Amino acid sequence: MTPEQERELQDLDVQIQIAEKKLRVASIKKQIAETELDILGLHQTLQQQLREGPMKVAV
């Protein structure tokens, strides 16, 4: 393998590592967004239950 090919291979390895890290960040952002949606849904459910009256709130 020539020095130029070796350098290109190292460059590709670095690009792969960067892409993997970006994918990991995107996955974490997706999890955060899903959790935020779950929280909003729970908040809306709680508000609805409270509007219906304290006796109907499930514990």
N, C-alpha and C. Protein backbone atom coordinates (compact mmCIF):
# COMPACT_ATOMS: atom_id res chain seq x y z
N MET A 1 0.85 -1.18 0.00
CA MET A 1 0.00 0.00 0.00
C MET A 1 0.90 1.24 0.00
N THR A 2 0.56 2.15 -0.87
CA THR A 2 1.37 3.37 -0.97
C THR A 2 1.03 4.30 0.19
N PRO A 3 1.94 5.23 0.49
CA PRO A 3 1.65 6.20 1.55
C PRO A 3 0.36 6.99 1.28
N GLU A 4 0.10 7.30 0.02
CA GLU A 4 -1.12 8.04 -0.33
C GLU A 4 -2.36 7.19 -0.04
N GLN A 5 -2.30 5.91 -0.37
CA GLN A 5 -3.43 5.02 -0.10
C GLN A 5 -3.64 4.86 1.41
N GLU A 6 -2.54 4.80 2.13
CA GLU A 6 -2.63 4.68 3.58
C GLU A 6 -3.29 5.92 4.19
N ARG A 7 -2.90 7.08 3.68
CA ARG A 7 -3.49 8.33 4.16
C ARG A 7 -4.98 8.38 3.85
N GLU A 8 -5.35 7.96 2.64
CA GLU A 8 -6.76 7.94 2.26
C GLU A 8 -7.55 6.98 3.14
N LEU A 9 -6.97 5.84 3.44
CA LEU A 9 -7.63 4.86 4.31
C LEU A 9 -7.84 5.43 5.71
N GLN A 10 -6.82 6.11 6.23
CA GLN A 10 -6.95 6.74 7.54
C GLN A 10 -8.03 7.82 7.51
N ASP A 11 -8.07 8.58 6.42
CA ASP A 11 -9.09 9.63 6.27
C ASP A 11 -10.49 9.02 6.26
N LEU A 12 -10.65 7.92 5.54
CA LEU A 12 -11.94 7.24 5.50
C LEU A 12 -12.33 6.71 6.88
N ASP A 13 -11.36 6.17 7.60
CA ASP A 13 -11.63 5.69 8.95
C ASP A 13 -12.13 6.82 9.85
N VAL A 14 -11.50 7.98 9.74
CA VAL A 14 -11.91 9.13 10.54
C VAL A 14 -13.32 9.57 10.14
N GLN A 15 -13.60 9.59 8.84
CA GLN A 15 -14.93 9.97 8.38
C GLN A 15 -15.99 9.00 8.90
N ILE A 16 -15.66 7.71 8.93
CA ILE A 16 -16.60 6.71 9.47
C ILE A 16 -16.84 6.96 10.95
N GLN A 17 -15.78 7.24 11.69
CA GLN A 17 -15.93 7.51 13.13
C GLN A 17 -16.81 8.74 13.36
N ILE A 18 -16.61 9.77 12.56
CA ILE A 18 -17.42 10.99 12.69
C ILE A 18 -18.89 10.67 12.38
N ALA A 19 -19.12 9.91 11.32
CA ALA A 19 -20.50 9.55 10.95
C ALA A 19 -21.16 8.73 12.05
N GLU A 20 -20.40 7.81 12.66
CA GLU A 20 -20.95 6.99 13.74
C GLU A 20 -21.33 7.86 14.94
N LYS A 21 -20.49 8.84 15.25
CA LYS A 21 -20.78 9.73 16.38
C LYS A 21 -22.00 10.61 16.07
N LYS A 22 -22.12 11.08 14.83
CA LYS A 22 -23.29 11.87 14.44
C LYS A 22 -24.56 11.03 14.53
N LEU A 23 -24.46 9.77 14.14
CA LEU A 23 -25.60 8.87 14.23
C LEU A 23 -25.99 8.66 15.68
N ARG A 24 -25.02 8.52 16.54
CA ARG A 24 -25.29 8.35 17.98
C ARG A 24 -25.98 9.60 18.53
N VAL A 25 -25.50 10.78 18.16
CA VAL A 25 -26.12 12.03 18.61
C VAL A 25 -27.56 12.11 18.11
N ALA A 26 -27.79 11.75 16.85
CA ALA A 26 -29.14 11.78 16.29
C ALA A 26 -30.05 10.81 17.04
N SER A 27 -29.53 9.65 17.38
CA SER A 27 -30.31 8.66 18.13
C SER A 27 -30.69 9.19 19.51
N ILE A 28 -29.76 9.85 20.17
CA ILE A 28 -30.03 10.42 21.49
C ILE A 28 -31.06 11.55 21.37
N LYS A 29 -30.93 12.39 20.35
CA LYS A 29 -31.91 13.46 20.14
C LYS A 29 -33.30 12.88 19.89
N LYS A 30 -33.36 11.77 19.16
CA LYS A 30 -34.65 11.12 18.92
C LYS A 30 -35.25 10.62 20.23
N GLN A 31 -34.43 10.01 21.08
CA GLN A 31 -34.92 9.54 22.37
C GLN A 31 -35.43 10.70 23.22
N ILE A 32 -34.72 11.81 23.20
CA ILE A 32 -35.14 12.98 23.96
C ILE A 32 -36.49 13.48 23.44
N ALA A 33 -36.63 13.57 22.12
CA ALA A 33 -37.89 14.04 21.53
C ALA A 33 -39.04 13.10 21.88
N GLU A 34 -38.80 11.80 21.84
CA GLU A 34 -39.84 10.84 22.20
C GLU A 34 -40.24 10.98 23.66
N THR A 35 -39.26 11.19 24.52
CA THR A 35 -39.55 11.38 25.95
C THR A 35 -40.35 12.66 26.17
N GLU A 36 -39.98 13.73 25.47
CA GLU A 36 -40.72 14.98 25.59
C GLU A 36 -42.17 14.80 25.14
N LEU A 37 -42.38 14.05 24.07
CA LEU A 37 -43.75 13.78 23.61
C LEU A 37 -44.52 12.98 24.65
N ASP A 38 -43.87 12.00 25.26
CA ASP A 38 -44.51 11.22 26.32
C ASP A 38 -44.92 12.12 27.48
N ILE A 39 -44.03 13.02 27.86
CA ILE A 39 -44.31 13.94 28.97
C ILE A 39 -45.49 14.84 28.62
N LEU A 40 -45.50 15.37 27.40
CA LEU A 40 -46.63 16.22 26.98
C LEU A 40 -47.94 15.45 27.02
N GLY A 41 -47.91 14.21 26.56
CA GLY A 41 -49.11 13.38 26.59
C GLY A 41 -49.59 13.14 28.01
N LEU A 42 -48.66 12.84 28.90
CA LEU A 42 -49.02 12.62 30.31
C LEU A 42 -49.58 13.90 30.92
N HIS A 43 -48.98 15.03 30.59
CA HIS A 43 -49.43 16.32 31.11
C HIS A 43 -50.86 16.61 30.65
N GLN A 44 -51.12 16.37 29.37
CA GLN A 44 -52.47 16.60 28.86
C GLN A 44 -53.48 15.67 29.51
N THR A 45 -53.10 14.41 29.70
CA THR A 45 -53.99 13.45 30.36
C THR A 45 -54.29 13.89 31.78
N LEU A 46 -53.27 14.32 32.49
CA LEU A 46 -53.45 14.77 33.87
C LEU A 46 -54.36 16.00 33.91
N GLN A 47 -54.14 16.95 33.01
CA GLN A 47 -54.99 18.14 32.98
C GLN A 47 -56.45 17.76 32.72
N GLN A 48 -56.66 16.84 31.79
CA GLN A 48 -58.03 16.41 31.48
C GLN A 48 -58.66 15.75 32.71
N GLN A 49 -57.91 14.90 33.39
CA GLN A 49 -58.44 14.22 34.57
C GLN A 49 -58.76 15.22 35.67
N LEU A 50 -57.92 16.23 35.83
CA LEU A 50 -58.17 17.23 36.86
C LEU A 50 -59.39 18.07 36.52
N ARG A 51 -59.62 18.33 35.23
CA ARG A 51 -60.82 19.08 34.82
C ARG A 51 -62.09 18.27 35.09
N GLU A 52 -61.98 16.95 34.97
CA GLU A 52 -63.14 16.09 35.19
C GLU A 52 -63.48 15.97 36.68
N GLY A 53 -62.54 16.29 37.52
CA GLY A 53 -62.79 16.24 38.95
C GLY A 53 -61.76 15.38 39.65
N PRO A 54 -61.43 15.76 40.88
CA PRO A 54 -60.38 15.06 41.62
C PRO A 54 -60.72 13.60 41.93
N MET A 55 -61.98 13.23 41.94
CA MET A 55 -62.35 11.86 42.27
C MET A 55 -62.01 10.89 41.14
N LYS A 56 -61.86 11.40 39.93
CA LYS A 56 -61.60 10.52 38.78
C LYS A 56 -60.11 10.35 38.49
N VAL A 57 -59.25 11.02 39.22
CA VAL A 57 -57.82 10.93 38.99
C VAL A 57 -57.34 9.58 39.47
N ALA A 58 -56.74 8.81 38.56
CA ALA A 58 -56.22 7.49 38.92
C ALA A 58 -54.89 7.66 39.63
N VAL A 59 -54.69 6.87 40.66
CA VAL A 59 -53.44 6.95 41.42
C VAL A 59 -52.56 5.79 41.05
